[in-house]
Amino acid sequence: MKTQLLGLFTLMSIASTQAQPGQSQTPLETVAEFGKFQPIGLGVSKERRIFVTFPKKPENYNYGLAEIVNGERKPYPNAEWNQWDSLKPKDRFMNVQALFVDNTNALWVLDPGNPGEEATIPDGVKLMKIDLANNKVEQIYRFNDLPREQTALNDVRIDTEHQYAYLSDPKRSSVVVLNLKTGKSRTVLTDDKSTKAEPGFTLRLDGKIVKDKTGKPFSSNVNGIALTDDNRYFYYRAINQTKLYRIPTEDLRNESLSPAQLSAKVETMGEVGVSHGMTSDKAGNVYLTDSPNQAVRYFTPKRELKTLVRDGRLIWPDSFAVGWDGYLYLTCAQINRGKKYNDGEDKTDYPYRLYRMKLPN
């Protein structure tokens, strides 16, 4: 039986696939296959080490965070952190969501502490900094000053210059600003028009509205985020709307600004369609996934919206990582194909995969 049918994944030889009719000419390359293990978060180090997160759920789970080593998933940073043990939320992964490799080559791991469909476990909420030189957990931030049971932290970006972390919290339609020196965090832009899903906006994929068996449509407030390479601007947006926003990080860090004053600093960048994950590169391009068109697009410093690749395999393209090798890496979560949004029927196109594509010149 083929490896992928056994639920394992194979590290593929990096070979370009031919573009199909209607696709752009940027090839989409398969890097790895994960069988029935659903990839979410993604990080790529300077040495091209690849890290992937997997949601904690009763089916098809063994590691929350894995490193791909010689074609196999290895629990990272060790097996103990990945044990299924909800009685030790402080010392176990509850539901690893997002990854980010900063410019010092440290790996940041965001665990929002909300396994499966369960409520958030307050003691499970954490942001971890891991030293990739020795694979040791260097720092853990617990967000004790947040109403953790009400949070659902989704994505994170690290500003090493100013020692801040910026996170999205769609459950509270907010941005969280964490001072990495003091460990203190602040919640900003709560229920701002830039962080809220547009009322009545429905996500339509595969020719139908994405909704559960009760008829409740999928909806998410502020979700995807990006930080420019110079740390000047923080880009963000909700899934259930079509505009891209940004705000100077200087203003996010300014505790003297009132909510109204901070909101006035937000700039609408333009219409960019529906998007989940986001990231940016050294050239100032901001990349956005595009589920309805099964594409990856990017917003240039000249405010032009361009398509990098369009391919039928991009089913709910989710998390990005910009590699130091000139490639953009991407997971596809296929959330809309799962049982929850298909009356209990699994319509996932297995195996789950990790892709990469050349960055634009």
Protein backbone atom coordinates (compact mmCIF):
# COMPACT_ATOMS: atom_id res chain seq x y z
CA MET A 1 0.00 0.00 0.00
CA LYS A 2 1.25 3.47 -0.77
CA THR A 3 2.73 5.47 2.07
CA GLN A 4 0.14 8.22 1.74
CA LEU A 5 -2.66 5.66 2.18
CA LEU A 6 -1.11 4.57 5.44
CA GLY A 7 -1.55 8.11 6.74
CA LEU A 8 2.15 8.85 6.67
CA PHE A 9 3.68 11.59 4.64
CA THR A 10 6.57 11.55 2.25
CA LEU A 11 9.05 14.30 1.73
CA MET A 12 8.85 14.78 -1.97
CA SER A 13 11.65 15.56 -4.36
CA ILE A 14 11.13 19.22 -5.17
CA ALA A 15 9.99 18.97 -8.76
CA SER A 16 7.85 21.51 -10.54
CA THR A 17 4.36 20.51 -11.57
CA GLN A 18 3.07 21.62 -14.93
CA ALA A 19 0.55 24.43 -14.89
CA GLN A 20 -2.97 23.38 -15.85
CA PRO A 21 -5.29 25.42 -18.06
CA GLY A 22 -6.26 28.69 -16.43
CA GLN A 23 -3.33 28.67 -14.02
CA SER A 24 -0.59 31.24 -13.73
CA GLN A 25 2.87 30.24 -14.89
CA THR A 26 4.34 30.18 -11.37
CA PRO A 27 4.58 26.44 -10.60
CA LEU A 28 3.08 25.07 -7.41
CA GLU A 29 5.41 22.41 -6.01
CA THR A 30 4.55 19.67 -3.53
CA VAL A 31 7.01 19.56 -0.65
CA ALA A 32 5.37 17.01 1.66
CA GLU A 33 2.26 14.88 2.08
CA PHE A 34 0.59 14.34 5.47
CA GLY A 35 -2.00 11.61 4.84
CA LYS A 36 -5.02 12.40 7.02
CA PHE A 37 -3.13 14.68 9.41
CA GLN A 38 -4.42 18.22 8.83
CA PRO A 39 -1.68 20.89 8.60
CA ILE A 40 -2.32 24.37 9.94
CA GLY A 41 0.63 26.49 11.12
CA LEU A 42 3.98 26.60 9.34
CA GLY A 43 7.52 27.78 10.00
CA VAL A 44 10.72 27.50 7.94
CA SER A 45 14.11 28.27 9.49
CA LYS A 46 17.21 29.73 7.88
CA GLU A 47 18.59 26.19 7.57
CA ARG A 48 15.37 25.15 5.77
CA ARG A 49 14.11 23.18 8.72
CA ILE A 50 10.35 22.83 8.31
CA PHE A 51 7.89 22.89 11.22
CA VAL A 52 4.14 22.24 10.95
CA THR A 53 1.29 22.31 13.47
CA PHE A 54 -1.67 19.94 13.55
CA PRO A 55 -4.96 20.56 15.42
CA LYS A 56 -5.70 18.49 18.50
CA LYS A 57 -8.77 16.42 17.74
CA PRO A 58 -9.91 12.84 18.47
CA GLU A 59 -9.31 11.64 14.91
CA ASN A 60 -5.98 11.68 13.09
CA TYR A 61 -3.80 13.26 15.73
CA ASN A 62 -0.50 12.28 17.29
CA TYR A 63 1.62 15.45 17.37
CA GLY A 64 0.58 19.07 17.80
CA LEU A 65 3.92 20.34 16.51
CA ALA A 66 6.25 18.35 14.26
CA GLU A 67 9.48 18.87 12.40
CA ILE A 68 9.93 17.17 9.06
CA VAL A 69 13.12 15.14 9.27
CA ASN A 70 14.18 12.81 6.45
CA GLY A 71 10.60 12.48 5.27
CA GLU A 72 9.09 11.77 8.69
CA ARG A 73 7.19 13.84 11.22
CA LYS A 74 9.08 14.09 14.48
CA PRO A 75 7.47 15.52 17.65
CA TYR A 76 8.98 18.91 18.41
CA PRO A 77 10.61 20.10 20.60
CA ASN A 78 10.12 16.66 22.17
CA ALA A 79 7.54 13.93 22.70
CA GLU A 80 6.57 15.15 26.17
CA TRP A 81 5.18 18.47 24.95
CA ASN A 82 3.10 16.56 22.38
CA GLN A 83 1.53 14.03 24.76
CA TRP A 84 -2.27 14.05 24.88
CA ASP A 85 -2.61 15.17 28.50
CA SER A 86 -5.24 17.80 29.20
CA LEU A 87 -4.50 17.60 32.92
CA LYS A 88 -1.21 19.43 32.38
CA PRO A 89 -2.20 22.35 30.15
CA LYS A 90 0.83 24.42 31.16
CA ASP A 91 3.28 21.74 30.10
CA ARG A 92 1.53 20.20 27.09
CA PHE A 93 0.29 21.46 23.75
CA MET A 94 -3.47 21.92 23.99
CA ASN A 95 -3.97 22.98 20.38
CA VAL A 96 -0.95 24.44 18.60
CA GLN A 97 -2.15 26.96 16.03
CA ALA A 98 0.46 29.29 14.56
CA LEU A 99 4.22 29.34 14.07
CA PHE A 100 6.63 32.13 13.22
CA VAL A 101 10.39 32.10 12.67
CA ASP A 102 11.79 35.52 13.50
CA ASN A 103 14.85 37.19 11.98
CA THR A 104 17.08 35.84 14.76
CA ASN A 105 16.05 32.31 13.71
CA ALA A 106 13.99 31.63 16.84
CA LEU A 107 10.77 29.61 16.49
CA TRP A 108 7.65 31.08 18.10
CA VAL A 109 4.79 28.68 18.87
CA LEU A 110 1.25 29.94 19.60
CA ASP A 111 -1.04 27.61 21.55
CA PRO A 112 -4.49 29.23 22.05
CA GLY A 113 -5.47 26.42 24.42
CA ASN A 114 -8.74 25.50 22.66
CA PRO A 115 -8.60 21.82 21.57
CA GLY A 116 -11.14 20.70 18.98
CA GLU A 117 -14.58 22.17 19.61
CA GLU A 118 -13.85 22.59 23.31
CA ALA A 119 -13.77 25.86 25.20
CA THR A 120 -10.47 27.59 25.81
CA ILE A 121 -8.47 26.12 28.70
CA PRO A 122 -7.02 29.24 30.39
CA ASP A 123 -3.83 27.58 31.64
CA GLY A 124 -3.24 26.16 28.18
CA VAL A 125 -2.94 29.57 26.50
CA LYS A 126 0.72 30.29 25.76
CA LEU A 127 3.26 31.75 23.37
CA MET A 128 6.56 29.88 23.38
CA LYS A 129 9.97 30.92 22.11
CA ILE A 130 12.20 28.01 21.11
CA ASP A 131 15.92 28.32 20.44
CA LEU A 132 16.51 26.38 17.22
CA ALA A 133 20.22 26.11 17.97
CA ASN A 134 19.57 23.76 20.90
CA ASN A 135 15.84 22.98 20.50
CA LYS A 136 15.12 24.26 24.01
CA VAL A 137 12.10 26.26 25.16
CA GLU A 138 13.62 29.62 26.04
CA GLN A 139 10.57 31.60 27.15
CA ILE A 140 6.84 31.06 27.73
CA TYR A 141 4.31 33.88 27.84
CA ARG A 142 1.04 32.96 29.59
CA PHE A 143 -1.18 36.03 28.96
CA ASN A 144 -2.31 36.13 32.58
CA ASP A 145 -3.55 39.69 32.12
CA LEU A 146 -6.09 38.64 29.45
CA PRO A 147 -9.53 37.07 30.02
CA ARG A 148 -8.03 33.85 28.68
CA GLU A 149 -11.24 31.81 28.77
CA GLN A 150 -12.74 34.34 26.36
CA THR A 151 -9.82 34.34 23.92
CA ALA A 152 -9.07 32.37 20.76
CA LEU A 153 -5.66 33.66 19.70
CA ASN A 154 -5.09 32.78 16.06
CA ASP A 155 -1.87 34.15 14.58
CA VAL A 156 1.32 35.86 15.73
CA ARG A 157 4.11 38.05 14.35
CA ILE A 158 7.28 39.02 16.20
CA ASP A 159 8.96 42.44 16.15
CA THR A 160 12.48 41.69 17.40
CA GLU A 161 13.60 45.30 16.93
CA HIS A 162 11.16 46.68 19.50
CA GLN A 163 10.60 43.40 21.38
CA TYR A 164 6.86 43.11 20.79
CA ALA A 165 4.51 40.42 19.57
CA TYR A 166 1.31 41.20 17.67
CA LEU A 167 -1.50 38.63 17.68
CA SER A 168 -4.99 38.31 16.20
CA ASP A 169 -7.90 37.25 18.40
CA PRO A 170 -10.95 36.62 16.18
CA LYS A 171 -13.15 35.51 19.07
CA ARG A 172 -12.89 38.96 20.65
CA SER A 173 -12.45 40.75 17.28
CA SER A 174 -9.26 42.26 18.66
CA VAL A 175 -5.53 42.64 18.22
CA VAL A 176 -3.32 41.73 21.17
CA VAL A 177 -0.05 43.61 21.68
CA LEU A 178 2.46 41.78 23.89
CA ASN A 179 5.54 43.46 25.35
CA LEU A 180 8.16 40.72 25.22
CA LYS A 181 10.38 42.46 27.79
CA THR A 182 7.75 42.84 30.51
CA GLY A 183 5.31 40.08 29.55
CA LYS A 184 2.44 42.57 29.73
CA SER A 185 -0.22 42.48 27.02
CA ARG A 186 -2.88 44.89 25.84
CA THR A 187 -6.04 44.36 23.82
CA VAL A 188 -6.66 46.96 21.11
CA LEU A 189 -9.01 47.71 18.18
CA THR A 190 -11.76 45.62 19.77
CA ASP A 191 -14.88 45.57 17.57
CA ASP A 192 -13.30 48.11 15.26
CA LYS A 193 -14.65 48.03 11.72
CA SER A 194 -11.25 46.75 10.62
CA THR A 195 -11.31 43.75 12.99
CA LYS A 196 -14.97 42.75 12.63
CA ALA A 197 -16.51 40.39 10.12
CA GLU A 198 -18.92 42.20 7.82
CA PRO A 199 -22.51 41.50 8.94
CA GLY A 200 -24.25 39.07 6.60
CA PHE A 201 -21.06 38.30 4.69
CA THR A 202 -20.98 34.57 3.86
CA LEU A 203 -18.08 32.52 2.62
CA ARG A 204 -18.95 30.64 -0.57
CA LEU A 205 -16.62 27.82 -1.67
CA ASP A 206 -17.15 24.85 -3.99
CA GLY A 207 -20.28 26.57 -5.23
CA LYS A 208 -22.04 26.71 -1.84
CA ILE A 209 -22.08 28.64 1.42
CA VAL A 210 -19.76 27.18 4.05
CA LYS A 211 -22.15 26.36 6.91
CA ASP A 212 -22.57 23.64 9.54
CA LYS A 213 -25.46 21.20 9.99
CA THR A 214 -27.42 23.73 12.02
CA GLY A 215 -27.24 26.16 9.12
CA LYS A 216 -24.76 28.46 10.86
CA PRO A 217 -22.37 29.94 8.27
CA PHE A 218 -18.65 30.00 8.90
CA SER A 219 -17.56 33.40 10.18
CA SER A 220 -14.31 34.83 11.48
CA ASN A 221 -13.29 38.27 12.64
CA VAL A 222 -9.67 39.46 12.42
CA ASN A 223 -7.63 36.42 11.44
CA GLY A 224 -4.70 36.69 9.02
CA ILE A 225 -1.92 39.12 9.92
CA ALA A 226 1.43 40.24 8.52
CA LEU A 227 4.32 42.38 9.74
CA THR A 228 6.51 44.20 7.24
CA ASP A 229 10.18 43.32 7.25
CA ASP A 230 11.14 46.75 8.57
CA ASN A 231 8.62 46.33 11.44
CA ARG A 232 6.88 49.57 10.48
CA TYR A 233 3.44 48.29 9.51
CA PHE A 234 1.07 45.64 10.79
CA TYR A 235 -1.37 44.33 8.17
CA TYR A 236 -4.54 42.47 9.14
CA ARG A 237 -8.07 41.58 8.10
CA ALA A 238 -11.09 39.44 8.91
CA ILE A 239 -11.96 36.42 6.77
CA ASN A 240 -15.60 37.44 6.37
CA GLN A 241 -15.01 40.71 4.53
CA THR A 242 -12.89 41.85 1.60
CA LYS A 243 -10.75 44.79 2.73
CA LEU A 244 -7.10 44.84 3.77
CA TYR A 245 -6.02 47.15 6.58
CA ARG A 246 -2.77 48.28 8.12
CA ILE A 247 -1.62 50.36 11.06
CA PRO A 248 1.83 51.66 12.04
CA THR A 249 3.33 49.46 14.75
CA GLU A 250 4.48 52.64 16.48
CA ASP A 251 0.82 53.41 17.13
CA LEU A 252 0.06 49.89 18.35
CA ARG A 253 2.82 50.28 20.91
CA ASN A 254 1.64 53.75 22.00
CA GLU A 255 -0.30 53.17 25.22
CA SER A 256 -1.32 56.83 25.47
CA LEU A 257 -3.67 56.64 22.48
CA SER A 258 -7.37 56.26 23.22
CA PRO A 259 -9.38 53.59 21.34
CA ALA A 260 -10.78 56.30 19.06
CA GLN A 261 -7.35 57.79 18.42
CA LEU A 262 -5.88 54.37 17.62
CA SER A 263 -8.76 53.54 15.29
CA ALA A 264 -8.08 56.79 13.42
CA LYS A 265 -4.56 55.52 12.67
CA VAL A 266 -5.92 52.52 10.71
CA GLU A 267 -5.51 52.77 6.95
CA THR A 268 -7.73 50.95 4.46
CA MET A 269 -5.41 49.56 1.79
CA GLY A 270 -8.02 48.38 -0.68
CA GLU A 271 -10.29 45.56 -1.80
CA VAL A 272 -8.46 42.24 -1.91
CA GLY A 273 -11.23 39.63 -1.79
CA VAL A 274 -11.52 36.78 0.72
CA SER A 275 -8.35 35.68 2.47
CA HIS A 276 -7.29 33.46 5.39
CA GLY A 277 -3.52 33.48 5.93
CA MET A 278 -1.13 36.35 5.28
CA THR A 279 2.58 37.10 5.37
CA SER A 280 5.10 39.53 3.91
CA ASP A 281 8.56 39.45 2.37
CA LYS A 282 11.66 41.66 2.36
CA ALA A 283 10.48 43.42 -0.81
CA GLY A 284 7.40 44.71 1.00
CA ASN A 285 4.90 42.41 -0.72
CA VAL A 286 2.00 41.19 1.44
CA TYR A 287 0.79 37.72 0.47
CA LEU A 288 -2.82 36.65 0.86
CA THR A 289 -4.47 33.30 0.36
CA ASP A 290 -7.54 33.32 -1.88
CA SER A 291 -9.93 30.43 -1.22
CA PRO A 292 -12.73 31.30 -3.67
CA ASN A 293 -10.26 31.45 -6.57
CA GLN A 294 -7.91 28.74 -5.23
CA ALA A 295 -5.01 31.13 -5.55
CA VAL A 296 -2.23 33.04 -3.83
CA ARG A 297 -2.16 36.77 -4.42
CA TYR A 298 0.08 39.56 -3.24
CA PHE A 299 -0.33 43.24 -2.53
CA THR A 300 2.70 45.22 -3.68
CA PRO A 301 4.25 48.35 -2.11
CA LYS A 302 2.70 50.20 -5.08
CA ARG A 303 -0.72 48.96 -3.92
CA GLU A 304 -1.15 46.63 -6.85
CA LEU A 305 -2.94 43.32 -6.30
CA LYS A 306 -1.31 40.53 -8.30
CA THR A 307 -1.81 36.78 -8.62
CA LEU A 308 1.22 34.62 -7.90
CA VAL A 309 -0.31 31.21 -8.53
CA ARG A 310 -3.74 29.73 -9.21
CA ASP A 311 -4.19 25.99 -8.83
CA GLY A 312 -7.11 23.65 -8.11
CA ARG A 313 -5.16 22.00 -5.30
CA LEU A 314 -5.27 25.19 -3.23
CA ILE A 315 -8.28 24.18 -1.13
CA TRP A 316 -8.51 26.56 1.85
CA PRO A 317 -4.87 27.68 1.57
CA ASP A 318 -4.02 28.60 5.12
CA SER A 319 -0.58 29.42 6.57
CA PHE A 320 2.49 30.89 4.88
CA ALA A 321 6.20 30.85 5.62
CA VAL A 322 8.72 32.85 3.60
CA GLY A 323 11.82 30.70 3.20
CA TRP A 324 15.37 32.00 3.01
CA ASP A 325 15.68 29.94 -0.19
CA GLY A 326 13.55 32.27 -2.35
CA TYR A 327 10.37 30.22 -1.95
CA LEU A 328 7.01 30.85 -0.33
CA TYR A 329 5.72 27.82 1.60
CA LEU A 330 2.03 27.16 2.19
CA THR A 331 -0.26 24.69 3.97
CA CYS A 332 -3.76 23.83 2.76
CA ALA A 333 -6.19 23.00 5.58
CA GLN A 334 -9.27 22.12 3.46
CA ILE A 335 -11.50 23.21 6.37
CA ASN A 336 -14.52 23.64 4.09
CA ARG A 337 -14.20 20.01 2.94
CA GLY A 338 -14.46 18.54 6.46
CA LYS A 339 -17.46 16.82 8.05
CA LYS A 340 -18.53 19.91 9.97
CA TYR A 341 -19.46 21.80 6.82
CA ASN A 342 -20.75 18.89 4.73
CA ASP A 343 -23.53 17.33 6.80
CA GLY A 344 -21.17 14.82 8.39
CA GLU A 345 -19.54 13.73 5.12
CA ASP A 346 -15.77 14.01 4.74
CA LYS A 347 -15.02 15.55 1.33
CA THR A 348 -11.33 16.18 1.95
CA ASP A 349 -9.03 15.60 -0.99
CA TYR A 350 -6.41 13.42 0.73
CA PRO A 351 -3.54 13.49 1.34
CA TYR A 352 -3.10 16.87 2.99
CA ARG A 353 -0.07 18.59 1.50
CA LEU A 354 2.54 21.25 2.01
CA TYR A 355 3.39 23.33 -1.06
CA ARG A 356 5.92 25.91 -2.13
CA MET A 357 6.24 28.41 -4.98
CA LYS A 358 8.93 30.81 -6.17
CA LEU A 359 8.74 34.32 -4.78
CA PRO A 360 8.17 36.98 -7.46
CA ASN A 361 11.24 38.73 -8.83
